[in-house]
């Protein structure tokens, strides 16, 4: 059974603040908030790793230019 908490919204100008009970503490500093019908949904924003973001990208269809074209091979360079 879900436990309910009754809290008062704090109104300061155009901003409403919702005190969150310590039992419902969110461990992140950013959240996603959206409304579904008459419900307000608050979810922690989980940062994706770079690998997770890259895995969502579509493969590139174009060829990359050969930037080494016309350069000497490394073995042929004298210092």
PDB file of N, CA and C in Angstrom:
ATOM      1  N   UNK A   1       0.840  -1.190   0.000  1.00  0.00           N
ATOM      2  CA  UNK A   1       0.000   0.000   0.000  1.00  0.00           C
ATOM      3  C   UNK A   1       0.882   1.249   0.000  1.00  0.00           C
ATOM      4  N   UNK A   2       0.555   2.206  -0.843  1.00  0.00           N
ATOM      5  CA  UNK A   2       1.312   3.446  -0.923  1.00  0.00           C
ATOM      6  C   UNK A   2       0.963   4.352   0.240  1.00  0.00           C
ATOM      7  N   UNK A   3       1.990   4.963   0.799  1.00  0.00           N
ATOM      8  CA  UNK A   3       1.770   5.909   1.885  1.00  0.00           C
ATOM      9  C   UNK A   3       1.539   7.287   1.284  1.00  0.00           C
ATOM     10  N   UNK A   4       0.560   7.994   1.804  1.00  0.00           N
ATOM     11  CA  UNK A   4       0.251   9.337   1.318  1.00  0.00           C
ATOM     12  C   UNK A   4       0.800  10.384   2.276  1.00  0.00           C
ATOM     13  N   UNK A   5       1.232  11.492   1.709  1.00  0.00           N
ATOM     14  CA  UNK A   5       1.710  12.628   2.490  1.00  0.00           C
ATOM     15  C   UNK A   5       0.912  13.848   2.053  1.00  0.00           C
ATOM     16  N   UNK A   6       0.408  14.586   2.993  1.00  0.00           N
ATOM     17  CA  UNK A   6      -0.313  15.820   2.682  1.00  0.00           C
ATOM     18  C   UNK A   6       0.616  16.987   3.008  1.00  0.00           C
ATOM     19  N   UNK A   7       0.917  17.775   1.986  1.00  0.00           N
ATOM     20  CA  UNK A   7       1.805  18.932   2.161  1.00  0.00           C
ATOM     21  C   UNK A   7       1.117  20.162   1.592  1.00  0.00           C
ATOM     22  N   UNK A   8       1.528  21.329   2.065  1.00  0.00           N
ATOM     23  CA  UNK A   8       0.988  22.588   1.556  1.00  0.00           C
ATOM     24  C   UNK A   8       1.941  23.164   0.525  1.00  0.00           C
ATOM     25  N   UNK A   9       1.387  23.615  -0.570  1.00  0.00           N
ATOM     26  CA  UNK A   9       2.183  24.315  -1.571  1.00  0.00           C
ATOM     27  C   UNK A   9       2.513  25.706  -1.042  1.00  0.00           C
ATOM     28  N   UNK A  10       3.730  26.142  -1.294  1.00  0.00           N
ATOM     29  CA  UNK A  10       4.157  27.484  -0.895  1.00  0.00           C
ATOM     30  C   UNK A  10       4.143  28.352  -2.144  1.00  0.00           C
ATOM     31  N   UNK A  11       3.387  29.427  -2.110  1.00  0.00           N
ATOM     32  CA  UNK A  11       3.261  30.343  -3.249  1.00  0.00           C
ATOM     33  C   UNK A  11       4.116  31.573  -3.004  1.00  0.00           C
ATOM     34  N   UNK A  12       5.044  31.863  -3.918  1.00  0.00           N
ATOM     35  CA  UNK A  12       5.875  33.072  -3.860  1.00  0.00           C
ATOM     36  C   UNK A  12       5.840  33.719  -5.234  1.00  0.00           C
ATOM     37  N   UNK A  13       4.991  34.709  -5.390  1.00  0.00           N
ATOM     38  CA  UNK A  13       4.809  35.331  -6.698  1.00  0.00           C
ATOM     39  C   UNK A  13       4.228  34.317  -7.661  1.00  0.00           C
ATOM     40  N   UNK A  14       4.896  34.106  -8.809  1.00  0.00           N
ATOM     41  CA  UNK A  14       4.434  33.138  -9.808  1.00  0.00           C
ATOM     42  C   UNK A  14       5.008  31.737  -9.586  1.00  0.00           C
ATOM     43  N   UNK A  15       5.761  31.559  -8.516  1.00  0.00           N
ATOM     44  CA  UNK A  15       6.442  30.290  -8.267  1.00  0.00           C
ATOM     45  C   UNK A  15       5.734  29.525  -7.152  1.00  0.00           C
ATOM     46  N   UNK A  16       5.490  28.244  -7.403  1.00  0.00           N
ATOM     47  CA  UNK A  16       4.970  27.357  -6.366  1.00  0.00           C
ATOM     48  C   UNK A  16       6.082  26.404  -5.953  1.00  0.00           C
ATOM     49  N   UNK A  17       6.236  26.208  -4.649  1.00  0.00           N
ATOM     50  CA  UNK A  17       7.228  25.296  -4.120  1.00  0.00           C
ATOM     51  C   UNK A  17       6.509  24.167  -3.395  1.00  0.00           C
ATOM     52  N   UNK A  18       6.994  22.961  -3.601  1.00  0.00           N
ATOM     53  CA  UNK A  18       6.401  21.785  -2.983  1.00  0.00           C
ATOM     54  C   UNK A  18       7.424  21.175  -2.026  1.00  0.00           C
ATOM     55  N   UNK A  19       7.189  21.267  -0.718  1.00  0.00           N
ATOM     56  CA  UNK A  19       8.126  20.604   0.202  1.00  0.00           C
ATOM     57  C   UNK A  19       7.970  19.088   0.100  1.00  0.00           C
ATOM     58  N   UNK A  20       9.078  18.388  -0.076  1.00  0.00           N
ATOM     59  CA  UNK A  20       9.044  16.942  -0.230  1.00  0.00           C
ATOM     60  C   UNK A  20       9.441  16.307   1.105  1.00  0.00           C
ATOM     61  N   UNK A  21       8.589  15.450   1.648  1.00  0.00           N
ATOM     62  CA  UNK A  21       8.925  14.786   2.920  1.00  0.00           C
ATOM     63  C   UNK A  21      10.223  13.987   2.805  1.00  0.00           C
ATOM     64  N   UNK A  22      10.985  13.922   3.900  1.00  0.00           N
ATOM     65  CA  UNK A  22      12.287  13.246   3.868  1.00  0.00           C
ATOM     66  C   UNK A  22      12.170  11.774   3.482  1.00  0.00           C
ATOM     67  N   UNK A  23      11.033  11.151   3.730  1.00  0.00           N
ATOM     68  CA  UNK A  23      10.837   9.759   3.345  1.00  0.00           C
ATOM     69  C   UNK A  23      10.792   9.585   1.824  1.00  0.00           C
ATOM     70  N   UNK A  24      10.538  10.659   1.110  1.00  0.00           N
ATOM     71  CA  UNK A  24      10.457  10.621  -0.352  1.00  0.00           C
ATOM     72  C   UNK A  24      11.644  11.331  -1.006  1.00  0.00           C
ATOM     73  N   UNK A  25      12.722  11.470  -0.260  1.00  0.00           N
ATOM     74  CA  UNK A  25      13.886  12.220  -0.739  1.00  0.00           C
ATOM     75  C   UNK A  25      14.350  11.722  -2.107  1.00  0.00           C
ATOM     76  N   UNK A  26      14.629  12.658  -2.993  1.00  0.00           N
ATOM     77  CA  UNK A  26      15.156  12.361  -4.328  1.00  0.00           C
ATOM     78  C   UNK A  26      16.662  12.605  -4.278  1.00  0.00           C
ATOM     79  N   UNK A  27      17.439  11.673  -4.787  1.00  0.00           N
ATOM     80  CA  UNK A  27      18.896  11.745  -4.640  1.00  0.00           C
ATOM     81  C   UNK A  27      19.593  12.513  -5.756  1.00  0.00           C
ATOM     82  N   UNK A  28      18.842  13.216  -6.565  1.00  0.00           N
ATOM     83  CA  UNK A  28      19.437  14.008  -7.638  1.00  0.00           C
ATOM     84  C   UNK A  28      19.024  15.466  -7.457  1.00  0.00           C
ATOM     85  N   UNK A  29      19.747  16.376  -8.087  1.00  0.00           N
ATOM     86  CA  UNK A  29      19.415  17.793  -7.949  1.00  0.00           C
ATOM     87  C   UNK A  29      18.510  18.286  -9.075  1.00  0.00           C
ATOM     88  N   UNK A  30      18.241  17.433 -10.064  1.00  0.00           N
ATOM     89  CA  UNK A  30      17.375  17.807 -11.179  1.00  0.00           C
ATOM     90  C   UNK A  30      16.267  16.769 -11.344  1.00  0.00           C
ATOM     91  N   UNK A  31      15.087  17.247 -11.705  1.00  0.00           N
ATOM     92  CA  UNK A  31      13.948  16.359 -11.904  1.00  0.00           C
ATOM     93  C   UNK A  31      13.245  16.694 -13.203  1.00  0.00           C
ATOM     94  N   UNK A  32      12.467  15.751 -13.689  1.00  0.00           N
ATOM     95  CA  UNK A  32      11.566  15.978 -14.818  1.00  0.00           C
ATOM     96  C   UNK A  32      10.177  16.072 -14.211  1.00  0.00           C
ATOM     97  N   UNK A  33       9.412  17.066 -14.608  1.00  0.00           N
ATOM     98  CA  UNK A  33       8.062  17.238 -14.083  1.00  0.00           C
ATOM     99  C   UNK A  33       7.101  17.330 -15.263  1.00  0.00           C
ATOM    100  N   UNK A  34       6.017  16.577 -15.189  1.00  0.00           N
ATOM    101  CA  UNK A  34       5.007  16.644 -16.244  1.00  0.00           C
ATOM    102  C   UNK A  34       3.651  16.347 -15.636  1.00  0.00           C
ATOM    103  N   UNK A  35       2.632  16.667 -16.393  1.00  0.00           N
ATOM    104  CA  UNK A  35       1.267  16.502 -15.912  1.00  0.00           C
ATOM    105  C   UNK A  35       0.546  15.463 -16.760  1.00  0.00           C
ATOM    106  N   UNK A  36      -0.133  14.541 -16.091  1.00  0.00           N
ATOM    107  CA  UNK A  36      -0.979  13.552 -16.744  1.00  0.00           C
ATOM    108  C   UNK A  36      -2.376  13.704 -16.163  1.00  0.00           C
ATOM    109  N   UNK A  37      -3.280  14.188 -16.984  1.00  0.00           N
ATOM    110  CA  UNK A  37      -4.640  14.489 -16.530  1.00  0.00           C
ATOM    111  C   UNK A  37      -4.559  15.449 -15.339  1.00  0.00           C
ATOM    112  N   UNK A  38      -5.056  15.032 -14.179  1.00  0.00           N
ATOM    113  CA  UNK A  38      -5.020  15.928 -13.021  1.00  0.00           C
ATOM    114  C   UNK A  38      -3.876  15.575 -12.062  1.00  0.00           C
ATOM    115  N   UNK A  39      -2.910  14.755 -12.512  1.00  0.00           N
ATOM    116  CA  UNK A  39      -1.786  14.339 -11.672  1.00  0.00           C
ATOM    117  C   UNK A  39      -0.519  15.059 -12.093  1.00  0.00           C
ATOM    118  N   UNK A  40       0.272  15.440 -11.115  1.00  0.00           N
ATOM    119  CA  UNK A  40       1.575  16.037 -11.353  1.00  0.00           C
ATOM    120  C   UNK A  40       2.619  14.961 -11.076  1.00  0.00           C
ATOM    121  N   UNK A  41       3.426  14.639 -12.058  1.00  0.00           N
ATOM    122  CA  UNK A  41       4.410  13.562 -11.957  1.00  0.00           C
ATOM    123  C   UNK A  41       5.811  14.181 -11.852  1.00  0.00           C
ATOM    124  N   UNK A  42       6.552  13.774 -10.813  1.00  0.00           N
ATOM    125  CA  UNK A  42       7.920  14.256 -10.604  1.00  0.00           C
ATOM    126  C   UNK A  42       8.832  13.038 -10.627  1.00  0.00           C
ATOM    127  N   UNK A  43       9.827  13.058 -11.528  1.00  0.00           N
ATOM    128  CA  UNK A  43      10.753  11.932 -11.651  1.00  0.00           C
ATOM    129  C   UNK A  43      12.181  12.443 -11.601  1.00  0.00           C
ATOM    130  N   UNK A  44      13.091  11.694 -10.972  1.00  0.00           N
ATOM    131  CA  UNK A  44      14.491  12.112 -10.975  1.00  0.00           C
ATOM    132  C   UNK A  44      15.036  12.120 -12.397  1.00  0.00           C
ATOM    133  N   UNK A  45      15.851  13.092 -12.701  1.00  0.00           N
ATOM    134  CA  UNK A  45      16.511  13.164 -14.008  1.00  0.00           C
ATOM    135  C   UNK A  45      17.795  12.352 -13.920  1.00  0.00           C
ATOM    136  N   UNK A  46      17.839  11.267 -14.626  1.00  0.00           N
ATOM    137  CA  UNK A  46      19.024  10.419 -14.622  1.00  0.00           C
ATOM    138  C   UNK A  46      19.879  10.781 -15.831  1.00  0.00           C
ATOM    139  N   UNK A  47      21.078  11.227 -15.554  1.00  0.00           N
ATOM    140  CA  UNK A  47      21.989  11.597 -16.631  1.00  0.00           C
ATOM    141  C   UNK A  47      22.449  10.348 -17.357  1.00  0.00           C
ATOM    142  N   UNK A  48      22.398  10.378 -18.665  1.00  0.00           N
ATOM    143  CA  UNK A  48      22.852   9.252 -19.474  1.00  0.00           C
ATOM    144  C   UNK A  48      24.356   9.344 -19.658  1.00  0.00           C
ATOM    145  N   UNK A  49      24.993   8.200 -19.714  1.00  0.00           N
ATOM    146  CA  UNK A  49      26.425   8.176 -20.006  1.00  0.00           C
ATOM    147  C   UNK A  49      26.626   8.502 -21.490  1.00  0.00           C
ATOM    148  N   UNK A  50      27.829   8.850 -21.837  1.00  0.00           N
ATOM    149  CA  UNK A  50      28.136   9.149 -23.234  1.00  0.00           C
ATOM    150  C   UNK A  50      27.852   7.938 -24.119  1.00  0.00           C
ATOM    151  N   UNK A  51      28.172   6.752 -23.637  1.00  0.00           N
ATOM    152  CA  UNK A  51      27.911   5.541 -24.432  1.00  0.00           C
ATOM    153  C   UNK A  51      26.416   5.335 -24.663  1.00  0.00           C
ATOM    154  N   UNK A  52      25.591   5.641 -23.655  1.00  0.00           N
ATOM    155  CA  UNK A  52      24.144   5.513 -23.831  1.00  0.00           C
ATOM    156  C   UNK A  52      23.637   6.495 -24.879  1.00  0.00           C
ATOM    157  N   UNK A  53      24.136   7.718 -24.851  1.00  0.00           N
ATOM    158  CA  UNK A  53      23.725   8.724 -25.836  1.00  0.00           C
ATOM    159  C   UNK A  53      24.176   8.315 -27.230  1.00  0.00           C
ATOM    160  N   UNK A  54      25.431   7.894 -27.358  1.00  0.00           N
ATOM    161  CA  UNK A  54      25.956   7.500 -28.667  1.00  0.00           C
ATOM    162  C   UNK A  54      25.213   6.292 -29.233  1.00  0.00           C
ATOM    163  N   UNK A  55      24.756   5.395 -28.378  1.00  0.00           N
ATOM    164  CA  UNK A  55      24.053   4.198 -28.867  1.00  0.00           C
ATOM    165  C   UNK A  55      22.692   4.538 -29.465  1.00  0.00           C
ATOM    166  N   UNK A  56      22.170   5.719 -29.208  1.00  0.00           N
ATOM    167  CA  UNK A  56      20.874   6.110 -29.768  1.00  0.00           C
ATOM    168  C   UNK A  56      21.005   6.794 -31.126  1.00  0.00           C
ATOM    169  N   UNK A  57      22.224   7.129 -31.532  1.00  0.00           N
ATOM    170  CA  UNK A  57      22.438   7.841 -32.797  1.00  0.00           C
ATOM    171  C   UNK A  57      22.360   6.895 -33.984  1.00  0.00           C
ATOM    172  N   UNK A  58      21.855   7.394 -35.091  1.00  0.00           N
ATOM    173  CA  UNK A  58      21.799   6.627 -36.336  1.00  0.00           C
ATOM    174  C   UNK A  58      23.196   6.584 -36.952  1.00  0.00           C
ATOM    175  N   UNK A  59      23.545   5.510 -37.651  1.00  0.00           N
ATOM    176  CA  UNK A  59      24.853   5.443 -38.319  1.00  0.00           C
ATOM    177  C   UNK A  59      24.969   6.528 -39.390  1.00  0.00           C
ATOM    178  N   UNK A  60      26.176   7.014 -39.585  1.00  0.00           N
ATOM    179  CA  UNK A  60      26.433   8.018 -40.622  1.00  0.00           C
ATOM    180  C   UNK A  60      26.508   7.336 -41.981  1.00  0.00           C
ATOM    181  N   UNK A  61      25.906   7.957 -42.970  1.00  0.00           N
ATOM    182  CA  UNK A  61      25.883   7.392 -44.325  1.00  0.00           C
ATOM    183  C   UNK A  61      26.993   7.954 -45.212  1.00  0.00           C
ATOM    184  N   UNK A  62      27.652   9.009 -44.762  1.00  0.00           N
ATOM    185  CA  UNK A  62      28.651   9.647 -45.609  1.00  0.00           C
ATOM    186  C   UNK A  62      30.054   9.158 -45.270  1.00  0.00           C
ATOM    187  N   UNK A  63      30.939   9.203 -46.261  1.00  0.00           N
ATOM    188  CA  UNK A  63      32.331   8.818 -46.051  1.00  0.00           C
ATOM    189  C   UNK A  63      33.098   9.999 -45.479  1.00  0.00           C
ATOM    190  N   UNK A  64      34.013   9.704 -44.584  1.00  0.00           N
ATOM    191  CA  UNK A  64      34.862  10.749 -44.039  1.00  0.00           C
ATOM    192  C   UNK A  64      35.999  11.029 -45.013  1.00  0.00           C
ATOM    193  N   UNK A  65      36.420  12.287 -45.113  1.00  0.00           N
ATOM    194  CA  UNK A  65      37.535  12.593 -46.012  1.00  0.00           C
ATOM    195  C   UNK A  65      38.829  11.995 -45.468  1.00  0.00           C
ATOM    196  N   UNK A  66      39.730  11.634 -46.387  1.00  0.00           N
ATOM    197  CA  UNK A  66      41.033  11.100 -45.985  1.00  0.00           C
ATOM    198  C   UNK A  66      41.954  12.290 -45.734  1.00  0.00           C
ATOM    199  N   UNK A  67      42.095  12.680 -44.487  1.00  0.00           N
ATOM    200  CA  UNK A  67      42.893  13.887 -44.174  1.00  0.00           C
ATOM    201  C   UNK A  67      44.388  13.622 -44.277  1.00  0.00           C
ATOM    202  N   UNK A  68      44.779  12.360 -44.353  1.00  0.00           N
ATOM    203  CA  UNK A  68      46.200  12.025 -44.486  1.00  0.00           C
ATOM    204  C   UNK A  68      46.640  11.904 -45.947  1.00  0.00           C
ATOM    205  N   UNK A  69      45.712  12.103 -46.860  1.00  0.00           N
ATOM    206  CA  UNK A  69      46.032  11.959 -48.288  1.00  0.00           C
ATOM    207  C   UNK A  69      47.141  12.936 -48.671  1.00  0.00           C
ATOM    208  N   UNK A  70      48.170  12.418 -49.337  1.00  0.00           N
ATOM    209  CA  UNK A  70      49.278  13.255 -49.797  1.00  0.00           C
ATOM    210  C   UNK A  70      50.386  13.411 -48.771  1.00  0.00           C
ATOM    211  N   UNK A  71      50.213  12.921 -47.555  1.00  0.00           N
ATOM    212  CA  UNK A  71      51.274  13.016 -46.546  1.00  0.00           C
ATOM    213  C   UNK A  71      52.204  11.816 -46.646  1.00  0.00           C
ATOM    214  N   UNK A  72      53.438  12.024 -46.224  1.00  0.00           N
ATOM    215  CA  UNK A  72      54.400  10.925 -46.208  1.00  0.00           C
ATOM    216  C   UNK A  72      54.013   9.928 -45.120  1.00  0.00           C
ATOM    217  N   UNK A  73      54.287   8.644 -45.315  1.00  0.00           N
ATOM    218  CA  UNK A  73      54.086   7.674 -44.233  1.00  0.00           C
ATOM    219  C   UNK A  73      54.973   8.027 -43.053  1.00  0.00           C
ATOM    220  N   UNK A  74      54.572   7.736 -41.863  1.00  0.00           N
ATOM    221  CA  UNK A  74      55.338   8.094 -40.664  1.00  0.00           C
ATOM    222  C   UNK A  74      56.753   7.529 -40.700  1.00  0.00           C
ATOM    223  N   UNK A  75      56.929   6.343 -41.284  1.00  0.00           N
ATOM    224  CA  UNK A  75      58.268   5.733 -41.329  1.00  0.00           C
ATOM    225  C   UNK A  75      59.218   6.529 -42.220  1.00  0.00           C
ATOM    226  N   UNK A  76      58.726   7.347 -43.139  1.00  0.00           N
ATOM    227  CA  UNK A  76      59.560   8.088 -44.068  1.00  0.00           C
ATOM    228  C   UNK A  76      59.936   9.481 -43.545  1.00  0.00           C
ATOM    229  N   UNK A  77      59.421   9.871 -42.398  1.00  0.00           N
ATOM    230  CA  UNK A  77      59.682  11.216 -41.863  1.00  0.00           C
ATOM    231  C   UNK A  77      60.967  11.177 -41.056  1.00  0.00           C
ATOM    232  N   UNK A  78      61.909  12.101 -41.359  1.00  0.00           N
ATOM    233  CA  UNK A  78      63.161  12.198 -40.631  1.00  0.00           C
ATOM    234  C   UNK A  78      63.156  13.450 -39.771  1.00  0.00           C
ATOM    235  N   UNK A  79      63.649  13.292 -38.569  1.00  0.00           N
ATOM    236  CA  UNK A  79      63.681  14.451 -37.650  1.00  0.00           C
ATOM    237  C   UNK A  79      65.095  14.910 -37.462  1.00  0.00           C
TER     238      UNK A  79
END
